[in-house]
Amino acid sequence: MAIKITDECINCGACEPECPNNAIYEGGQEWRFADGTSVKGSFTGFSGTTLDAETAQAPVSMDIYYIVTDKCTECAGFHDEPQCAAVCPVDCCVPDTDHPNTPEENLGKKASMHI
């Protein structure tokens, strides 16, 4: 499943540079599918939403760092464990039970973003 950042986040930013999919953003920052990926043009995310990969999207959170669910693969294909959770000093990077993915789905998501 995807990872989420809980309200316990202290905004230290340790997680952001560790994400191989560039799925983590500072609160209030707009995100794009193209950020840190090879995605261009019209792109359909894992949730089924189709967006222009280079168009800025509204922040998921205004106050704390957040993870874009459609870009999170739990680091599948890059690392053995989610790197955000490994470096978080307050353990606020946790599985997002609202967005379950199988390991195979995570690898498929990775493949679609890193062609």
N, C-alpha and C. Protein backbone atom coordinates (compact mmCIF):
# COMPACT_ATOMS: atom_id res chain seq x y z
N MET A 1 0.84 -1.18 0.00
CA MET A 1 0.00 0.00 0.00
C MET A 1 0.87 1.23 0.00
N ALA A 2 0.29 2.35 -0.33
CA ALA A 2 1.03 3.60 -0.32
C ALA A 2 1.37 3.98 1.12
N ILE A 3 2.25 4.92 1.27
CA ILE A 3 2.63 5.44 2.58
C ILE A 3 1.98 6.82 2.72
N LYS A 4 1.63 7.19 3.94
CA LYS A 4 1.10 8.52 4.21
C LYS A 4 1.89 9.13 5.36
N ILE A 5 1.81 10.43 5.47
CA ILE A 5 2.46 11.15 6.56
C ILE A 5 1.37 11.63 7.50
N THR A 6 1.49 11.28 8.76
CA THR A 6 0.46 11.63 9.73
C THR A 6 0.67 13.03 10.30
N ASP A 7 -0.29 13.47 11.07
CA ASP A 7 -0.25 14.80 11.68
C ASP A 7 0.87 14.96 12.70
N GLU A 8 1.54 13.88 13.06
CA GLU A 8 2.66 13.96 13.99
C GLU A 8 3.91 14.51 13.33
N CYS A 9 3.86 14.75 12.02
CA CYS A 9 5.00 15.26 11.26
C CYS A 9 5.51 16.56 11.89
N ILE A 10 6.85 16.63 12.05
CA ILE A 10 7.47 17.83 12.62
C ILE A 10 8.09 18.72 11.53
N ASN A 11 7.79 18.41 10.26
CA ASN A 11 8.27 19.19 9.12
C ASN A 11 9.79 19.29 9.05
N CYS A 12 10.47 18.20 9.39
CA CYS A 12 11.93 18.23 9.35
C CYS A 12 12.46 18.09 7.92
N GLY A 13 11.67 17.47 7.03
CA GLY A 13 12.07 17.32 5.64
C GLY A 13 13.00 16.17 5.35
N ALA A 14 13.29 15.33 6.32
CA ALA A 14 14.22 14.21 6.12
C ALA A 14 13.72 13.24 5.05
N CYS A 15 12.43 13.09 4.93
CA CYS A 15 11.84 12.12 4.01
C CYS A 15 11.93 12.53 2.54
N GLU A 16 11.78 13.81 2.27
CA GLU A 16 11.65 14.29 0.89
C GLU A 16 12.78 13.86 -0.03
N PRO A 17 14.05 14.07 0.31
CA PRO A 17 15.11 13.69 -0.63
C PRO A 17 15.31 12.18 -0.76
N GLU A 18 14.72 11.40 0.13
CA GLU A 18 14.89 9.95 0.10
C GLU A 18 13.95 9.26 -0.88
N CYS A 19 12.92 9.94 -1.33
CA CYS A 19 11.89 9.32 -2.17
C CYS A 19 12.37 9.19 -3.62
N PRO A 20 12.50 7.96 -4.14
CA PRO A 20 12.97 7.77 -5.51
C PRO A 20 11.94 8.16 -6.57
N ASN A 21 10.69 8.35 -6.16
CA ASN A 21 9.62 8.73 -7.08
C ASN A 21 9.26 10.20 -6.99
N ASN A 22 9.95 10.93 -6.13
CA ASN A 22 9.64 12.33 -5.89
C ASN A 22 8.14 12.48 -5.58
N ALA A 23 7.65 11.63 -4.69
CA ALA A 23 6.24 11.63 -4.31
C ALA A 23 5.98 12.45 -3.05
N ILE A 24 7.03 12.96 -2.42
CA ILE A 24 6.89 13.69 -1.16
C ILE A 24 7.12 15.18 -1.40
N TYR A 25 6.20 15.97 -0.88
CA TYR A 25 6.26 17.42 -1.07
C TYR A 25 6.06 18.13 0.27
N GLU A 26 6.65 19.30 0.38
CA GLU A 26 6.45 20.13 1.56
C GLU A 26 5.03 20.68 1.55
N GLY A 27 4.43 20.80 2.71
CA GLY A 27 3.08 21.33 2.81
C GLY A 27 2.94 22.65 2.06
N GLY A 28 1.87 22.78 1.28
CA GLY A 28 1.61 23.98 0.51
C GLY A 28 2.24 23.98 -0.86
N GLN A 29 3.15 23.05 -1.14
CA GLN A 29 3.81 23.01 -2.44
C GLN A 29 2.96 22.22 -3.44
N GLU A 30 2.83 22.78 -4.65
CA GLU A 30 2.12 22.07 -5.72
C GLU A 30 2.96 20.87 -6.17
N TRP A 31 2.29 19.86 -6.75
CA TRP A 31 2.99 18.68 -7.22
C TRP A 31 2.65 18.41 -8.68
N ARG A 32 3.49 17.61 -9.33
CA ARG A 32 3.30 17.20 -10.73
C ARG A 32 3.71 15.75 -10.88
N PHE A 33 3.02 15.03 -11.77
CA PHE A 33 3.45 13.67 -12.07
C PHE A 33 4.86 13.66 -12.67
N ALA A 34 5.20 14.71 -13.42
CA ALA A 34 6.50 14.76 -14.10
C ALA A 34 7.67 14.96 -13.13
N ASP A 35 7.42 15.49 -11.95
CA ASP A 35 8.50 15.74 -11.00
C ASP A 35 9.23 14.45 -10.65
N GLY A 36 10.51 14.38 -11.02
CA GLY A 36 11.34 13.23 -10.66
C GLY A 36 11.03 11.94 -11.38
N THR A 37 10.21 12.01 -12.44
CA THR A 37 9.86 10.82 -13.20
C THR A 37 10.13 11.09 -14.68
N SER A 38 9.89 10.09 -15.51
CA SER A 38 10.05 10.30 -16.96
C SER A 38 8.70 10.52 -17.64
N VAL A 39 7.66 10.75 -16.86
CA VAL A 39 6.31 10.93 -17.38
C VAL A 39 6.18 12.26 -18.10
N LYS A 40 5.58 12.23 -19.27
CA LYS A 40 5.32 13.44 -20.07
C LYS A 40 3.89 13.38 -20.60
N GLY A 41 3.32 14.53 -20.90
CA GLY A 41 1.99 14.59 -21.53
C GLY A 41 0.89 14.06 -20.62
N SER A 42 -0.15 13.54 -21.24
CA SER A 42 -1.30 13.00 -20.50
C SER A 42 -0.90 11.71 -19.81
N PHE A 43 -1.20 11.62 -18.52
CA PHE A 43 -0.81 10.44 -17.74
C PHE A 43 -1.97 10.03 -16.84
N THR A 44 -2.26 8.73 -16.83
CA THR A 44 -3.29 8.20 -15.95
C THR A 44 -2.62 7.52 -14.77
N GLY A 45 -2.88 8.05 -13.59
CA GLY A 45 -2.31 7.51 -12.37
C GLY A 45 -2.99 6.23 -11.95
N PHE A 46 -2.44 5.60 -10.92
CA PHE A 46 -2.95 4.33 -10.41
C PHE A 46 -4.41 4.44 -9.97
N SER A 47 -4.82 5.61 -9.51
CA SER A 47 -6.21 5.80 -9.05
C SER A 47 -7.19 5.95 -10.20
N GLY A 48 -6.65 6.06 -11.43
CA GLY A 48 -7.51 6.22 -12.61
C GLY A 48 -7.67 7.66 -13.05
N THR A 49 -7.11 8.59 -12.31
CA THR A 49 -7.18 9.99 -12.65
C THR A 49 -6.18 10.31 -13.77
N THR A 50 -6.65 10.98 -14.82
CA THR A 50 -5.78 11.38 -15.92
C THR A 50 -5.51 12.87 -15.84
N LEU A 51 -4.23 13.22 -15.87
CA LEU A 51 -3.80 14.61 -15.76
C LEU A 51 -2.66 14.86 -16.74
N ASP A 52 -2.43 16.12 -17.06
CA ASP A 52 -1.22 16.48 -17.80
C ASP A 52 -0.08 16.38 -16.79
N ALA A 53 0.92 15.58 -17.11
CA ALA A 53 2.01 15.30 -16.18
C ALA A 53 2.77 16.53 -15.74
N GLU A 54 2.77 17.57 -16.57
CA GLU A 54 3.56 18.75 -16.25
C GLU A 54 2.73 19.90 -15.68
N THR A 55 1.44 19.67 -15.48
CA THR A 55 0.57 20.70 -14.91
C THR A 55 0.59 20.60 -13.39
N ALA A 56 0.80 21.73 -12.74
CA ALA A 56 0.83 21.78 -11.28
C ALA A 56 -0.53 21.40 -10.70
N GLN A 57 -0.50 20.57 -9.67
CA GLN A 57 -1.71 20.13 -8.98
C GLN A 57 -1.74 20.75 -7.58
N ALA A 58 -2.92 20.90 -7.05
CA ALA A 58 -3.09 21.49 -5.72
C ALA A 58 -2.41 20.64 -4.66
N PRO A 59 -1.83 21.28 -3.66
CA PRO A 59 -1.19 20.53 -2.57
C PRO A 59 -2.20 19.64 -1.87
N VAL A 60 -1.74 18.48 -1.42
CA VAL A 60 -2.59 17.56 -0.66
C VAL A 60 -2.73 18.07 0.77
N SER A 61 -1.70 18.73 1.26
CA SER A 61 -1.71 19.29 2.61
C SER A 61 -1.09 20.68 2.56
N MET A 62 -1.57 21.57 3.37
CA MET A 62 -1.00 22.91 3.44
C MET A 62 -0.02 23.05 4.61
N ASP A 63 -0.13 22.18 5.60
CA ASP A 63 0.60 22.36 6.85
C ASP A 63 1.82 21.46 7.04
N ILE A 64 1.74 20.23 6.56
CA ILE A 64 2.82 19.28 6.78
C ILE A 64 3.23 18.64 5.45
N TYR A 65 4.40 18.01 5.45
CA TYR A 65 4.82 17.26 4.27
C TYR A 65 3.74 16.24 3.94
N TYR A 66 3.62 15.93 2.66
CA TYR A 66 2.61 14.96 2.24
C TYR A 66 3.17 14.08 1.12
N ILE A 67 2.52 12.94 0.92
CA ILE A 67 2.90 11.98 -0.11
C ILE A 67 1.77 11.88 -1.13
N VAL A 68 2.10 12.01 -2.40
CA VAL A 68 1.12 11.86 -3.48
C VAL A 68 0.93 10.35 -3.68
N THR A 69 -0.25 9.88 -3.34
CA THR A 69 -0.55 8.45 -3.37
C THR A 69 -0.26 7.81 -4.72
N ASP A 70 -0.63 8.49 -5.80
CA ASP A 70 -0.44 7.92 -7.13
C ASP A 70 1.03 7.83 -7.54
N LYS A 71 1.93 8.46 -6.80
CA LYS A 71 3.35 8.38 -7.11
C LYS A 71 4.10 7.46 -6.14
N CYS A 72 3.49 7.11 -5.02
CA CYS A 72 4.15 6.29 -4.00
C CYS A 72 4.11 4.81 -4.36
N THR A 73 5.29 4.20 -4.35
CA THR A 73 5.40 2.76 -4.64
C THR A 73 6.00 2.00 -3.46
N GLU A 74 6.09 2.63 -2.30
CA GLU A 74 6.78 2.07 -1.14
C GLU A 74 8.23 1.74 -1.49
N CYS A 75 8.78 2.47 -2.45
CA CYS A 75 10.16 2.30 -2.91
C CYS A 75 10.40 0.97 -3.64
N ALA A 76 9.32 0.30 -4.05
CA ALA A 76 9.45 -0.97 -4.78
C ALA A 76 10.30 -0.77 -6.03
N GLY A 77 11.22 -1.68 -6.25
CA GLY A 77 12.10 -1.60 -7.40
C GLY A 77 13.32 -0.73 -7.17
N PHE A 78 13.36 -0.04 -6.05
CA PHE A 78 14.50 0.81 -5.69
C PHE A 78 15.17 0.34 -4.40
N HIS A 79 14.34 0.09 -3.37
CA HIS A 79 14.84 -0.27 -2.04
C HIS A 79 13.97 -1.38 -1.46
N ASP A 80 14.46 -2.03 -0.42
CA ASP A 80 13.73 -3.12 0.22
C ASP A 80 12.64 -2.64 1.17
N GLU A 81 12.69 -1.36 1.54
CA GLU A 81 11.69 -0.80 2.45
C GLU A 81 11.46 0.66 2.10
N PRO A 82 10.32 1.21 2.49
CA PRO A 82 10.07 2.63 2.24
C PRO A 82 11.12 3.50 2.94
N GLN A 83 11.82 4.28 2.16
CA GLN A 83 12.91 5.09 2.71
C GLN A 83 12.42 6.23 3.57
N CYS A 84 11.23 6.75 3.28
CA CYS A 84 10.69 7.84 4.11
C CYS A 84 10.50 7.35 5.55
N ALA A 85 9.96 6.15 5.69
CA ALA A 85 9.74 5.58 7.03
C ALA A 85 11.06 5.28 7.71
N ALA A 86 12.05 4.86 6.93
CA ALA A 86 13.34 4.51 7.51
C ALA A 86 14.06 5.71 8.11
N VAL A 87 13.87 6.89 7.52
CA VAL A 87 14.59 8.07 8.01
C VAL A 87 13.76 8.99 8.90
N CYS A 88 12.47 8.76 9.01
CA CYS A 88 11.60 9.65 9.78
C CYS A 88 11.93 9.56 11.28
N PRO A 89 12.28 10.69 11.89
CA PRO A 89 12.64 10.65 13.32
C PRO A 89 11.46 10.50 14.27
N VAL A 90 10.25 10.71 13.78
CA VAL A 90 9.08 10.60 14.66
C VAL A 90 8.11 9.51 14.20
N ASP A 91 8.53 8.67 13.27
CA ASP A 91 7.72 7.54 12.79
C ASP A 91 6.32 7.95 12.32
N CYS A 92 6.26 9.04 11.54
CA CYS A 92 4.95 9.48 11.05
C CYS A 92 4.70 9.05 9.60
N CYS A 93 5.62 8.33 8.98
CA CYS A 93 5.42 7.77 7.64
C CYS A 93 4.94 6.35 7.83
N VAL A 94 3.65 6.15 7.61
CA VAL A 94 3.01 4.86 7.92
C VAL A 94 2.21 4.36 6.71
N PRO A 95 1.91 3.06 6.67
CA PRO A 95 1.08 2.54 5.57
C PRO A 95 -0.27 3.24 5.51
N ASP A 96 -0.70 3.56 4.30
CA ASP A 96 -1.99 4.21 4.07
C ASP A 96 -3.00 3.13 3.74
N THR A 97 -3.74 2.69 4.74
CA THR A 97 -4.68 1.59 4.55
C THR A 97 -5.84 1.95 3.62
N ASP A 98 -6.01 3.23 3.33
CA ASP A 98 -7.04 3.64 2.39
C ASP A 98 -6.61 3.42 0.94
N HIS A 99 -5.32 3.15 0.73
CA HIS A 99 -4.78 2.96 -0.62
C HIS A 99 -3.91 1.71 -0.67
N PRO A 100 -4.53 0.54 -0.54
CA PRO A 100 -3.74 -0.70 -0.56
C PRO A 100 -3.26 -1.04 -1.97
N ASN A 101 -2.00 -1.43 -2.08
CA ASN A 101 -1.41 -1.89 -3.33
C ASN A 101 -0.66 -3.18 -3.04
N THR A 102 -0.69 -4.09 -3.98
CA THR A 102 0.11 -5.30 -3.86
C THR A 102 1.54 -4.96 -4.27
N PRO A 103 2.51 -5.79 -3.92
CA PRO A 103 3.88 -5.54 -4.40
C PRO A 103 3.94 -5.47 -5.93
N GLU A 104 3.15 -6.28 -6.60
CA GLU A 104 3.13 -6.27 -8.06
C GLU A 104 2.57 -4.95 -8.59
N GLU A 105 1.53 -4.43 -7.95
CA GLU A 105 0.96 -3.14 -8.35
C GLU A 105 1.98 -2.02 -8.13
N ASN A 106 2.72 -2.08 -7.04
CA ASN A 106 3.74 -1.07 -6.79
C ASN A 106 4.82 -1.10 -7.86
N LEU A 107 5.23 -2.30 -8.26
CA LEU A 107 6.23 -2.41 -9.33
C LEU A 107 5.68 -1.90 -10.66
N GLY A 108 4.39 -2.16 -10.92
CA GLY A 108 3.75 -1.65 -12.14
C GLY A 108 3.67 -0.13 -12.13
N LYS A 109 3.36 0.42 -10.98
CA LYS A 109 3.29 1.88 -10.83
C LYS A 109 4.68 2.48 -11.09
N LYS A 110 5.71 1.85 -10.51
CA LYS A 110 7.09 2.31 -10.73
C LYS A 110 7.43 2.28 -12.21
N ALA A 111 7.10 1.16 -12.88
CA ALA A 111 7.42 1.01 -14.30
C ALA A 111 6.72 2.08 -15.15
N SER A 112 5.51 2.46 -14.77
CA SER A 112 4.79 3.46 -15.56
C SER A 112 5.37 4.85 -15.40
N MET A 113 6.07 5.11 -14.31
CA MET A 113 6.64 6.43 -14.08
C MET A 113 8.10 6.55 -14.50
N HIS A 114 8.79 5.44 -14.60
CA HIS A 114 10.23 5.46 -14.89
C HIS A 114 10.51 4.60 -16.12
N ILE A 115 10.17 5.14 -17.27
CA ILE A 115 10.29 4.40 -18.53
C ILE A 115 11.72 4.44 -19.03
